[in-house]
Amino acid sequence: MKPTWIGHIGLTNLVVLLAMVVLFGCSSKNLNFEGRTASQQDNIMLKEGGPHEGQWKSGDMIISYTYSNQAGNIQIEGTIELTRRLTNTFQMVTNLSVRANLLDEERIILVSQPILFAGNTPMRNWRFTRELPAAPGAKAMNFSYSGSAAENGPFGGRDQATATFWKEP
């Protein structure tokens, strides 16, 4: 009898792999805020045409962006920089996810689109370019993020300093 690929992987490893897929699927669903009401008050009012430039700040990061809004299609690009609160203490980003969120006039999130994923990388500035899906009725935009940082990387020591940081839309 010819061995199958499942036999090579092993049943235990297959169960672990499937559990990881399910957990990742559930966790990524939690990052999608579509349909919820945004709690941020510092939303960016969208203008037609463009390019329009601006900067969005939180205690953890500064997003410098340029966007164009042509017939509801939003092309956005820019840089993401972590603030000194993080860069003065930590050398590595162990996990970072940043999203752009399009809101209607009642602050309901119509689109929540990832613009950056980073992991196990040194602290630095990141560039992004995205075209956000058309969202009829979008009047404003904001950003949300979730991340973690460490002193010396993901496998430092037991006593290494780490931090988690986040901002919901």
Foldseek 3Di string as FASTA:
>chain_A
DDDDVCVVCDPVNVVVVVVVVVVVVVVVVVQWQAQHAFPDPPWAFDDAADQDWDWDDDQFKIWTKTWHQYPQKIKMKTKIATDCVDVVAFFWWAWKWKWKFFAAPRRHTHGTGTFDIDHQGTHDMDITIDITDRGPRGGTMDMKMKTKTWHPTDPDDPPTDMDIDIDTD
